Amino acid sequence: MKAFRLDELEAERAANDGAYLQFLRERNMSVGLYALDAGDSDPQQPHRQDEVYMVVSGRASITVGMETTEVARGSVVYVPAGVPHKFHHISEDLRVLVVFSPPER
């Protein structure tokens, strides 16, 4: 078993001065913590992997392809591989668990 605490992951991510911290990598998936502060721009480009986002805190909108929805704590969004997507209108610091399958390179 592998177990993680979000507060410890957030501290590690912040200490490394990055928006993304991959904390689990297995044969068929990887998991990370993605952080965007209120007012930030999301620099993401489409990925080669399917993704699932689970918002653990914050508020924003996300556009996936041509669809847009608001997200907040508890929101879960699936993004198919290769589809353009971005968080925007980030009104509260956003912290999101990201699951990639297969694992992100």
Protein backbone atom coordinates (compact mmCIF):
# COMPACT_ATOMS: atom_id res chain seq x y z
CA MET A 1 0.00 0.00 0.00
CA LYS A 2 1.03 3.57 -0.64
CA ALA A 3 -0.70 6.36 1.26
CA PHE A 4 -0.32 10.12 0.95
CA ARG A 5 -1.42 13.26 2.81
CA LEU A 6 -2.48 16.24 0.74
CA ASP A 7 -0.90 18.76 3.13
CA GLU A 8 2.47 17.00 2.82
CA LEU A 9 2.18 16.78 -0.97
CA GLU A 10 1.32 20.48 -1.17
CA ALA A 11 4.34 21.36 0.98
CA GLU A 12 6.62 19.26 -1.24
CA ARG A 13 5.18 20.79 -4.41
CA ALA A 14 5.60 24.33 -3.05
CA ALA A 15 9.18 23.61 -1.91
CA ASN A 16 10.07 22.53 -5.46
CA ASP A 17 8.68 25.76 -6.97
CA GLY A 18 6.55 23.91 -9.49
CA ALA A 19 2.88 23.87 -10.37
CA TYR A 20 2.89 20.06 -10.68
CA LEU A 21 4.17 17.31 -8.41
CA GLN A 22 3.97 13.70 -9.58
CA PHE A 23 3.83 11.59 -6.43
CA LEU A 24 2.81 8.17 -7.73
CA ARG A 25 3.86 6.30 -10.85
CA GLU A 26 2.78 2.76 -11.65
CA ARG A 27 2.73 0.65 -14.79
CA ASN A 28 -0.73 1.79 -15.94
CA MET A 29 -1.14 5.22 -14.33
CA SER A 30 0.48 8.17 -12.63
CA VAL A 31 -0.95 10.64 -10.12
CA GLY A 32 0.07 14.18 -9.32
CA LEU A 33 -0.98 17.37 -7.59
CA TYR A 34 -1.51 20.40 -9.84
CA ALA A 35 -1.67 23.91 -8.39
CA LEU A 36 -2.76 27.19 -9.93
CA ASP A 37 -3.22 30.30 -7.82
CA ALA A 38 -6.11 32.73 -8.23
CA GLY A 39 -5.59 34.78 -11.37
CA ASP A 40 -2.97 32.42 -12.86
CA SER A 41 -3.00 31.26 -16.47
CA ASP A 42 -2.96 27.52 -17.17
CA PRO A 43 -0.09 26.72 -19.56
CA GLN A 44 -1.20 23.14 -20.33
CA GLN A 45 -1.06 21.63 -23.78
CA PRO A 46 -2.99 18.49 -24.79
CA HIS A 47 -1.55 15.28 -23.34
CA ARG A 48 -1.08 11.88 -24.94
CA GLN A 49 -2.81 10.24 -21.98
CA ASP A 50 -6.37 10.20 -20.72
CA GLU A 51 -6.72 12.33 -17.59
CA VAL A 52 -9.03 12.59 -14.64
CA TYR A 53 -9.01 15.77 -12.54
CA MET A 54 -10.42 15.85 -9.01
CA VAL A 55 -10.58 19.32 -7.49
CA VAL A 56 -9.53 19.24 -3.82
CA SER A 57 -9.80 23.00 -3.27
CA GLY A 58 -10.41 26.26 -5.09
CA ARG A 59 -12.72 27.54 -7.82
CA ALA A 60 -12.26 27.94 -11.56
CA SER A 61 -13.70 27.13 -14.94
CA ILE A 62 -12.32 24.47 -17.24
CA THR A 63 -12.74 24.21 -20.96
CA VAL A 64 -12.30 20.77 -22.54
CA GLY A 65 -12.57 20.86 -26.30
CA MET A 66 -15.59 23.11 -26.91
CA GLU A 67 -17.27 22.52 -23.53
CA THR A 68 -16.85 24.73 -20.45
CA THR A 69 -17.94 24.09 -16.87
CA GLU A 70 -17.27 25.58 -13.45
CA VAL A 71 -15.35 23.45 -10.96
CA ALA A 72 -14.88 23.58 -7.21
CA ARG A 73 -13.99 21.20 -4.37
CA GLY A 74 -15.36 17.75 -5.20
CA SER A 75 -15.62 18.29 -8.98
CA VAL A 76 -14.31 15.47 -11.17
CA VAL A 77 -13.53 16.04 -14.87
CA TYR A 78 -12.43 13.50 -17.48
CA VAL A 79 -10.25 14.70 -20.38
CA PRO A 80 -9.63 12.29 -23.27
CA ALA A 81 -6.10 12.01 -24.66
CA GLY A 82 -5.22 14.69 -27.21
CA VAL A 83 -8.11 17.05 -26.40
CA PRO A 84 -7.17 20.70 -25.71
CA HIS A 85 -8.10 21.79 -22.18
CA LYS A 86 -7.37 24.64 -19.77
CA PHE A 87 -8.42 25.92 -16.39
CA HIS A 88 -9.34 29.62 -16.49
CA HIS A 89 -11.14 32.28 -14.46
CA ILE A 90 -9.38 30.91 -11.39
CA SER A 91 -11.07 32.82 -8.58
CA GLU A 92 -9.68 30.81 -5.63
CA ASP A 93 -6.32 29.02 -5.41
CA LEU A 94 -6.87 25.72 -7.23
CA ARG A 95 -5.46 22.36 -6.11
CA VAL A 96 -6.26 19.38 -8.29
CA LEU A 97 -5.35 15.69 -8.18
CA VAL A 98 -4.52 14.49 -11.68
CA VAL A 99 -4.60 10.85 -12.76
CA PHE A 100 -2.92 10.01 -16.08
CA SER A 101 -3.45 6.69 -17.82
CA PRO A 102 -1.12 5.42 -19.10
CA PRO A 103 1.49 7.20 -16.92
CA GLU A 104 2.64 10.67 -17.90
CA ARG A 105 6.11 10.66 -19.46
